[in-house]
Amino acid sequence: MSYEQGIVPVKSELGVAAALEARRLAEKYGRDYLTCEDLTVILGLGINNVRHMINSEDFPVIEVGNRKVISVIAFAYWQVKKAI
């Protein structure tokens, strides 16, 4: 597969979409990590639903002490993967 032929692998397309979304979110929130409260605004969900989602097995969360934060790029990639 080559880019010259106009054929782009699916994983590459997901990565590009995730990178664009990550850049948009990082610029909007002015940081590279999101909090639970940020996700309630981004997703339009209640705090209990977001906490349940954060505690799920496949959600990309980082624990810093007792606090959980979400990398913008990891969240954007997770979001794009779930959309397909």
PDB file of N, CA and C in Angstrom:
ATOM      1  N   MET A   1       0.832  -1.179   0.000  1.00  0.00           N
ATOM      2  CA  MET A   1       0.000   0.000   0.000  1.00  0.00           C
ATOM      3  C   MET A   1       0.877   1.244   0.000  1.00  0.00           C
ATOM      4  N   SER A   2       0.471   2.195  -0.782  1.00  0.00           N
ATOM      5  CA  SER A   2       1.257   3.418  -0.798  1.00  0.00           C
ATOM      6  C   SER A   2       0.338   4.632  -0.790  1.00  0.00           C
ATOM      7  N   TYR A   3       0.870   5.724  -0.279  1.00  0.00           N
ATOM      8  CA  TYR A   3       0.109   6.965  -0.235  1.00  0.00           C
ATOM      9  C   TYR A   3      -0.035   7.570  -1.620  1.00  0.00           C
ATOM     10  N   GLU A   4       0.937   7.287  -2.489  1.00  0.00           N
ATOM     11  CA  GLU A   4       0.870   7.825  -3.844  1.00  0.00           C
ATOM     12  C   GLU A   4      -0.340   7.272  -4.587  1.00  0.00           C
ATOM     13  N   GLN A   5      -0.716   6.042  -4.292  1.00  0.00           N
ATOM     14  CA  GLN A   5      -1.847   5.417  -4.954  1.00  0.00           C
ATOM     15  C   GLN A   5      -3.176   5.833  -4.343  1.00  0.00           C
ATOM     16  N   GLY A   6      -3.119   6.591  -3.247  1.00  0.00           N
ATOM     17  CA  GLY A   6      -4.355   7.037  -2.602  1.00  0.00           C
ATOM     18  C   GLY A   6      -4.935   6.020  -1.655  1.00  0.00           C
ATOM     19  N   ILE A   7      -4.183   4.994  -1.337  1.00  0.00           N
ATOM     20  CA  ILE A   7      -4.665   3.965  -0.421  1.00  0.00           C
ATOM     21  C   ILE A   7      -4.008   4.204   0.935  1.00  0.00           C
ATOM     22  N   VAL A   8      -4.827   4.504   1.946  1.00  0.00           N
ATOM     23  CA  VAL A   8      -4.318   4.752   3.291  1.00  0.00           C
ATOM     24  C   VAL A   8      -4.890   3.682   4.198  1.00  0.00           C
ATOM     25  N   PRO A   9      -4.048   2.993   4.955  1.00  0.00           N
ATOM     26  CA  PRO A   9      -4.567   1.966   5.857  1.00  0.00           C
ATOM     27  C   PRO A   9      -5.547   2.547   6.869  1.00  0.00           C
ATOM     28  N   VAL A  10      -6.503   1.725   7.304  1.00  0.00           N
ATOM     29  CA  VAL A  10      -7.544   2.168   8.221  1.00  0.00           C
ATOM     30  C   VAL A  10      -6.952   2.680   9.525  1.00  0.00           C
ATOM     31  N   LYS A  11      -5.950   1.994  10.074  1.00  0.00           N
ATOM     32  CA  LYS A  11      -5.354   2.443  11.321  1.00  0.00           C
ATOM     33  C   LYS A  11      -4.752   3.829  11.178  1.00  0.00           C
ATOM     34  N   SER A  12      -4.206   4.126  10.009  1.00  0.00           N
ATOM     35  CA  SER A  12      -3.641   5.440   9.773  1.00  0.00           C
ATOM     36  C   SER A  12      -4.737   6.495   9.773  1.00  0.00           C
ATOM     37  N   GLU A  13      -5.871   6.194   9.175  1.00  0.00           N
ATOM     38  CA  GLU A  13      -6.993   7.124   9.149  1.00  0.00           C
ATOM     39  C   GLU A  13      -7.505   7.391  10.559  1.00  0.00           C
ATOM     40  N   LEU A  14      -7.566   6.347  11.392  1.00  0.00           N
ATOM     41  CA  LEU A  14      -7.992   6.519  12.778  1.00  0.00           C
ATOM     42  C   LEU A  14      -6.999   7.384  13.536  1.00  0.00           C
ATOM     43  N   GLY A  15      -5.730   7.177  13.292  1.00  0.00           N
ATOM     44  CA  GLY A  15      -4.696   7.956  13.958  1.00  0.00           C
ATOM     45  C   GLY A  15      -4.764   9.424  13.588  1.00  0.00           C
ATOM     46  N   VAL A  16      -5.011   9.706  12.320  1.00  0.00           N
ATOM     47  CA  VAL A  16      -5.116  11.093  11.857  1.00  0.00           C
ATOM     48  C   VAL A  16      -6.342  11.750  12.483  1.00  0.00           C
ATOM     49  N   ALA A  17      -7.466  11.049  12.484  1.00  0.00           N
ATOM     50  CA  ALA A  17      -8.686  11.597  13.086  1.00  0.00           C
ATOM     51  C   ALA A  17      -8.483  11.847  14.574  1.00  0.00           C
ATOM     52  N   ALA A  18      -7.826  10.918  15.251  1.00  0.00           N
ATOM     53  CA  ALA A  18      -7.560  11.074  16.685  1.00  0.00           C
ATOM     54  C   ALA A  18      -6.616  12.240  16.939  1.00  0.00           C
ATOM     55  N   ALA A  19      -5.606  12.391  16.107  1.00  0.00           N
ATOM     56  CA  ALA A  19      -4.651  13.486  16.281  1.00  0.00           C
ATOM     57  C   ALA A  19      -5.329  14.844  16.098  1.00  0.00           C
ATOM     58  N   LEU A  20      -6.200  14.946  15.122  1.00  0.00           N
ATOM     59  CA  LEU A  20      -6.919  16.201  14.898  1.00  0.00           C
ATOM     60  C   LEU A  20      -7.841  16.525  16.070  1.00  0.00           C
ATOM     61  N   GLU A  21      -8.543  15.511  16.560  1.00  0.00           N
ATOM     62  CA  GLU A  21      -9.433  15.708  17.700  1.00  0.00           C
ATOM     63  C   GLU A  21      -8.633  16.053  18.958  1.00  0.00           C
ATOM     64  N   ALA A  22      -7.499  15.400  19.154  1.00  0.00           N
ATOM     65  CA  ALA A  22      -6.647  15.674  20.315  1.00  0.00           C
ATOM     66  C   ALA A  22      -6.136  17.112  20.268  1.00  0.00           C
ATOM     67  N   ARG A  23      -5.741  17.569  19.113  1.00  0.00           N
ATOM     68  CA  ARG A  23      -5.262  18.948  18.988  1.00  0.00           C
ATOM     69  C   ARG A  23      -6.373  19.938  19.314  1.00  0.00           C
ATOM     70  N   ARG A  24      -7.570  19.659  18.810  1.00  0.00           N
ATOM     71  CA  ARG A  24      -8.716  20.538  19.081  1.00  0.00           C
ATOM     72  C   ARG A  24      -9.009  20.600  20.575  1.00  0.00           C
ATOM     73  N   LEU A  25      -9.041  19.452  21.231  1.00  0.00           N
ATOM     74  CA  LEU A  25      -9.334  19.415  22.670  1.00  0.00           C
ATOM     75  C   LEU A  25      -8.225  20.075  23.486  1.00  0.00           C
ATOM     76  N   ALA A  26      -6.983  19.797  23.135  1.00  0.00           N
ATOM     77  CA  ALA A  26      -5.852  20.386  23.870  1.00  0.00           C
ATOM     78  C   ALA A  26      -5.860  21.906  23.751  1.00  0.00           C
ATOM     79  N   GLU A  27      -6.175  22.416  22.575  1.00  0.00           N
ATOM     80  CA  GLU A  27      -6.241  23.865  22.395  1.00  0.00           C
ATOM     81  C   GLU A  27      -7.425  24.462  23.143  1.00  0.00           C
ATOM     82  N   LYS A  28      -8.552  23.774  23.127  1.00  0.00           N
ATOM     83  CA  LYS A  28      -9.745  24.278  23.794  1.00  0.00           C
ATOM     84  C   LYS A  28      -9.562  24.334  25.302  1.00  0.00           C
ATOM     85  N   TYR A  29      -8.981  23.275  25.886  1.00  0.00           N
ATOM     86  CA  TYR A  29      -8.837  23.199  27.338  1.00  0.00           C
ATOM     87  C   TYR A  29      -7.479  23.688  27.833  1.00  0.00           C
ATOM     88  N   GLY A  30      -6.549  23.932  26.933  1.00  0.00           N
ATOM     89  CA  GLY A  30      -5.259  24.488  27.307  1.00  0.00           C
ATOM     90  C   GLY A  30      -4.357  23.548  28.089  1.00  0.00           C
ATOM     91  N   ARG A  31      -4.563  22.250  27.944  1.00  0.00           N
ATOM     92  CA  ARG A  31      -3.707  21.272  28.615  1.00  0.00           C
ATOM     93  C   ARG A  31      -3.788  19.928  27.889  1.00  0.00           C
ATOM     94  N   ASP A  32      -2.864  19.036  28.240  1.00  0.00           N
ATOM     95  CA  ASP A  32      -2.773  17.738  27.573  1.00  0.00           C
ATOM     96  C   ASP A  32      -3.476  16.606  28.311  1.00  0.00           C
ATOM     97  N   TYR A  33      -4.001  16.901  29.491  1.00  0.00           N
ATOM     98  CA  TYR A  33      -4.725  15.889  30.272  1.00  0.00           C
ATOM     99  C   TYR A  33      -6.083  16.431  30.665  1.00  0.00           C
ATOM    100  N   LEU A  34      -7.079  15.554  30.682  1.00  0.00           N
ATOM    101  CA  LEU A  34      -8.444  15.942  31.010  1.00  0.00           C
ATOM    102  C   LEU A  34      -8.851  15.341  32.349  1.00  0.00           C
ATOM    103  N   THR A  35      -9.807  15.991  32.999  1.00  0.00           N
ATOM    104  CA  THR A  35     -10.350  15.484  34.251  1.00  0.00           C
ATOM    105  C   THR A  35     -11.743  14.911  33.997  1.00  0.00           C
ATOM    106  N   CYS A  36     -12.281  14.305  35.019  1.00  0.00           N
ATOM    107  CA  CYS A  36     -13.635  13.758  34.943  1.00  0.00           C
ATOM    108  C   CYS A  36     -14.635  14.873  34.612  1.00  0.00           C
ATOM    109  N   GLU A  37     -14.439  16.029  35.208  1.00  0.00           N
ATOM    110  CA  GLU A  37     -15.333  17.158  34.962  1.00  0.00           C
ATOM    111  C   GLU A  37     -15.251  17.631  33.506  1.00  0.00           C
ATOM    112  N   ASP A  38     -14.047  17.607  32.939  1.00  0.00           N
ATOM    113  CA  ASP A  38     -13.892  17.964  31.520  1.00  0.00           C
ATOM    114  C   ASP A  38     -14.684  17.013  30.639  1.00  0.00           C
ATOM    115  N   LEU A  39     -14.625  15.724  30.963  1.00  0.00           N
ATOM    116  CA  LEU A  39     -15.330  14.736  30.147  1.00  0.00           C
ATOM    117  C   LEU A  39     -16.842  14.891  30.230  1.00  0.00           C
ATOM    118  N   THR A  40     -17.369  15.342  31.374  1.00  0.00           N
ATOM    119  CA  THR A  40     -18.815  15.559  31.460  1.00  0.00           C
ATOM    120  C   THR A  40     -19.250  16.629  30.460  1.00  0.00           C
ATOM    121  N   VAL A  41     -18.412  17.655  30.290  1.00  0.00           N
ATOM    122  CA  VAL A  41     -18.724  18.722  29.341  1.00  0.00           C
ATOM    123  C   VAL A  41     -18.553  18.229  27.899  1.00  0.00           C
ATOM    124  N   ILE A  42     -17.439  17.555  27.633  1.00  0.00           N
ATOM    125  CA  ILE A  42     -17.139  17.086  26.277  1.00  0.00           C
ATOM    126  C   ILE A  42     -18.188  16.094  25.786  1.00  0.00           C
ATOM    127  N   LEU A  43     -18.550  15.142  26.641  1.00  0.00           N
ATOM    128  CA  LEU A  43     -19.458  14.071  26.235  1.00  0.00           C
ATOM    129  C   LEU A  43     -20.926  14.369  26.504  1.00  0.00           C
ATOM    130  N   GLY A  44     -21.193  15.363  27.333  1.00  0.00           N
ATOM    131  CA  GLY A  44     -22.579  15.683  27.656  1.00  0.00           C
ATOM    132  C   GLY A  44     -23.227  14.641  28.545  1.00  0.00           C
ATOM    133  N   LEU A  45     -22.423  13.962  29.342  1.00  0.00           N
ATOM    134  CA  LEU A  45     -22.921  12.932  30.241  1.00  0.00           C
ATOM    135  C   LEU A  45     -22.880  13.435  31.668  1.00  0.00           C
ATOM    136  N   GLY A  46     -23.607  12.751  32.541  1.00  0.00           N
ATOM    137  CA  GLY A  46     -23.566  13.080  33.952  1.00  0.00           C
ATOM    138  C   GLY A  46     -22.281  12.559  34.588  1.00  0.00           C
ATOM    139  N   ILE A  47     -21.956  13.090  35.753  1.00  0.00           N
ATOM    140  CA  ILE A  47     -20.724  12.719  36.438  1.00  0.00           C
ATOM    141  C   ILE A  47     -20.693  11.236  36.794  1.00  0.00           C
ATOM    142  N   ASN A  48     -21.820  10.651  37.169  1.00  0.00           N
ATOM    143  CA  ASN A  48     -21.850   9.224  37.514  1.00  0.00           C
ATOM    144  C   ASN A  48     -21.566   8.354  36.291  1.00  0.00           C
ATOM    145  N   ASN A  49     -22.121   8.718  35.149  1.00  0.00           N
ATOM    146  CA  ASN A  49     -21.858   7.958  33.921  1.00  0.00           C
ATOM    147  C   ASN A  49     -20.400   8.069  33.496  1.00  0.00           C
ATOM    148  N   VAL A  50     -19.824   9.250  33.638  1.00  0.00           N
ATOM    149  CA  VAL A  50     -18.415   9.441  33.279  1.00  0.00           C
ATOM    150  C   VAL A  50     -17.521   8.633  34.218  1.00  0.00           C
ATOM    151  N   ARG A  51     -17.820   8.649  35.500  1.00  0.00           N
ATOM    152  CA  ARG A  51     -17.021   7.856  36.454  1.00  0.00           C
ATOM    153  C   ARG A  51     -17.111   6.371  36.148  1.00  0.00           C
ATOM    154  N   HIS A  52     -18.301   5.907  35.797  1.00  0.00           N
ATOM    155  CA  HIS A  52     -18.467   4.503  35.416  1.00  0.00           C
ATOM    156  C   HIS A  52     -17.630   4.184  34.174  1.00  0.00           C
ATOM    157  N   MET A  53     -17.640   5.073  33.204  1.00  0.00           N
ATOM    158  CA  MET A  53     -16.868   4.890  31.981  1.00  0.00           C
ATOM    159  C   MET A  53     -15.371   4.877  32.290  1.00  0.00           C
ATOM    160  N   ILE A  54     -14.921   5.788  33.133  1.00  0.00           N
ATOM    161  CA  ILE A  54     -13.503   5.868  33.489  1.00  0.00           C
ATOM    162  C   ILE A  54     -13.034   4.591  34.185  1.00  0.00           C
ATOM    163  N   ASN A  55     -13.902   3.974  34.955  1.00  0.00           N
ATOM    164  CA  ASN A  55     -13.538   2.755  35.676  1.00  0.00           C
ATOM    165  C   ASN A  55     -13.671   1.489  34.838  1.00  0.00           C
ATOM    166  N   SER A  56     -14.110   1.611  33.575  1.00  0.00           N
ATOM    167  CA  SER A  56     -14.220   0.434  32.711  1.00  0.00           C
ATOM    168  C   SER A  56     -12.832  -0.042  32.288  1.00  0.00           C
ATOM    169  N   GLU A  57     -12.747  -1.280  31.868  1.00  0.00           N
ATOM    170  CA  GLU A  57     -11.474  -1.925  31.535  1.00  0.00           C
ATOM    171  C   GLU A  57     -10.749  -1.265  30.357  1.00  0.00           C
ATOM    172  N   ASP A  58     -11.482  -0.870  29.334  1.00  0.00           N
ATOM    173  CA  ASP A  58     -10.826  -0.409  28.103  1.00  0.00           C
ATOM    174  C   ASP A  58     -10.633   1.102  28.028  1.00  0.00           C
ATOM    175  N   PHE A  59     -10.952   1.831  29.089  1.00  0.00           N
ATOM    176  CA  PHE A  59     -10.817   3.282  29.043  1.00  0.00           C
ATOM    177  C   PHE A  59      -9.397   3.692  29.414  1.00  0.00           C
ATOM    178  N   PRO A  60      -8.781   4.595  28.642  1.00  0.00           N
ATOM    179  CA  PRO A  60      -7.381   4.976  28.863  1.00  0.00           C
ATOM    180  C   PRO A  60      -7.206   6.005  29.980  1.00  0.00           C
ATOM    181  N   VAL A  61      -7.092   5.540  31.195  1.00  0.00           N
ATOM    182  CA  VAL A  61      -6.975   6.439  32.337  1.00  0.00           C
ATOM    183  C   VAL A  61      -5.608   6.278  32.993  1.00  0.00           C
ATOM    184  N   ILE A  62      -5.096   7.376  33.544  1.00  0.00           N
ATOM    185  CA  ILE A  62      -3.821   7.359  34.252  1.00  0.00           C
ATOM    186  C   ILE A  62      -4.107   7.752  35.691  1.00  0.00           C
ATOM    187  N   GLU A  63      -3.599   6.963  36.626  1.00  0.00           N
ATOM    188  CA  GLU A  63      -3.785   7.280  38.037  1.00  0.00           C
ATOM    189  C   GLU A  63      -2.555   8.002  38.562  1.00  0.00           C
ATOM    190  N   VAL A  64      -2.781   9.174  39.132  1.00  0.00           N
ATOM    191  CA  VAL A  64      -1.720   9.971  39.743  1.00  0.00           C
ATOM    192  C   VAL A  64      -2.131  10.140  41.205  1.00  0.00           C
ATOM    193  N   GLY A  65      -1.549   9.322  42.067  1.00  0.00           N
ATOM    194  CA  GLY A  65      -1.986   9.310  43.458  1.00  0.00           C
ATOM    195  C   GLY A  65      -3.412   8.796  43.521  1.00  0.00           C
ATOM    196  N   ASN A  66      -4.286   9.561  44.126  1.00  0.00           N
ATOM    197  CA  ASN A  66      -5.705   9.192  44.197  1.00  0.00           C
ATOM    198  C   ASN A  66      -6.521   9.791  43.059  1.00  0.00           C
ATOM    199  N   ARG A  67      -5.865  10.534  42.205  1.00  0.00           N
ATOM    200  CA  ARG A  67      -6.557  11.234  41.129  1.00  0.00           C
ATOM    201  C   ARG A  67      -6.423  10.481  39.812  1.00  0.00           C
ATOM    202  N   LYS A  68      -7.476  10.519  39.009  1.00  0.00           N
ATOM    203  CA  LYS A  68      -7.453   9.899  37.684  1.00  0.00           C
ATOM    204  C   LYS A  68      -7.515  11.004  36.641  1.00  0.00           C
ATOM    205  N   VAL A  69      -6.588  10.936  35.682  1.00  0.00           N
ATOM    206  CA  VAL A  69      -6.571  11.880  34.576  1.00  0.00           C
ATOM    207  C   VAL A  69      -6.534  11.100  33.265  1.00  0.00           C
ATOM    208  N   ILE A  70      -6.924  11.765  32.204  1.00  0.00           N
ATOM    209  CA  ILE A  70      -7.020  11.127  30.903  1.00  0.00           C
ATOM    210  C   ILE A  70      -6.190  11.934  29.913  1.00  0.00           C
ATOM    211  N   SER A  71      -5.257  11.269  29.249  1.00  0.00           N
ATOM    212  CA  SER A  71      -4.461  11.906  28.209  1.00  0.00           C
ATOM    213  C   SER A  71      -5.385  12.296  27.060  1.00  0.00           C
ATOM    214  N   VAL A  72      -5.217  13.493  26.549  1.00  0.00           N
ATOM    215  CA  VAL A  72      -6.069  13.973  25.455  1.00  0.00           C
ATOM    216  C   VAL A  72      -5.932  13.073  24.233  1.00  0.00           C
ATOM    217  N   ILE A  73      -4.706  12.706  23.872  1.00  0.00           N
ATOM    218  CA  ILE A  73      -4.518  11.873  22.679  1.00  0.00           C
ATOM    219  C   ILE A  73      -5.090  10.472  22.880  1.00  0.00           C
ATOM    220  N   ALA A  74      -4.913   9.903  24.078  1.00  0.00           N
ATOM    221  CA  ALA A  74      -5.465   8.575  24.352  1.00  0.00           C
ATOM    222  C   ALA A  74      -6.989   8.614  24.331  1.00  0.00           C
ATOM    223  N   PHE A  75      -7.572   9.668  24.894  1.00  0.00           N
ATOM    224  CA  PHE A  75      -9.028   9.802  24.879  1.00  0.00           C
ATOM    225  C   PHE A  75      -9.539   9.966  23.459  1.00  0.00           C
ATOM    226  N   ALA A  76      -8.875  10.807  22.668  1.00  0.00           N
ATOM    227  CA  ALA A  76      -9.311  11.038  21.290  1.00  0.00           C
ATOM    228  C   ALA A  76      -9.232   9.747  20.480  1.00  0.00           C
ATOM    229  N   TYR A  77      -8.165   8.977  20.658  1.00  0.00           N
ATOM    230  CA  TYR A  77      -8.036   7.711  19.928  1.00  0.00           C
ATOM    231  C   TYR A  77      -9.113   6.729  20.372  1.00  0.00           C
ATOM    232  N   TRP A  78      -9.358   6.650  21.673  1.00  0.00           N
ATOM    233  CA  TRP A  78     -10.400   5.766  22.207  1.00  0.00           C
ATOM    234  C   TRP A  78     -11.754   6.160  21.633  1.00  0.00           C
ATOM    235  N   GLN A  79     -12.023   7.470  21.591  1.00  0.00           N
ATOM    236  CA  GLN A  79     -13.288   7.977  21.092  1.00  0.00           C
ATOM    237  C   GLN A  79     -13.483   7.653  19.608  1.00  0.00           C
ATOM    238  N   VAL A  80     -12.438   7.820  18.824  1.00  0.00           N
ATOM    239  CA  VAL A  80     -12.518   7.537  17.386  1.00  0.00           C
ATOM    240  C   VAL A  80     -12.702   6.040  17.148  1.00  0.00           C
ATOM    241  N   LYS A  81     -11.979   5.212  17.910  1.00  0.00           N
ATOM    242  CA  LYS A  81     -12.133   3.756  17.772  1.00  0.00           C
ATOM    243  C   LYS A  81     -13.533   3.309  18.090  1.00  0.00           C
ATOM    244  N   LYS A  82     -14.148   3.900  19.110  1.00  0.00           N
ATOM    245  CA  LYS A  82     -15.513   3.523  19.515  1.00  0.00           C
ATOM    246  C   LYS A  82     -16.554   3.978  18.490  1.00  0.00           C
ATOM    247  N   ALA A  83     -16.223   4.987  17.718  1.00  0.00           N
ATOM    248  CA  ALA A  83     -17.165   5.535  16.747  1.00  0.00           C
ATOM    249  C   ALA A  83     -17.361   4.636  15.532  1.00  0.00           C
ATOM    250  N   ILE A  84     -16.379   3.760  15.255  1.00  0.00           N
ATOM    251  CA  ILE A  84     -16.536   2.915  14.064  1.00  0.00           C
ATOM    252  C   ILE A  84     -17.235   1.632  14.369  1.00  0.00           C
TER     253      ILE A  84
END
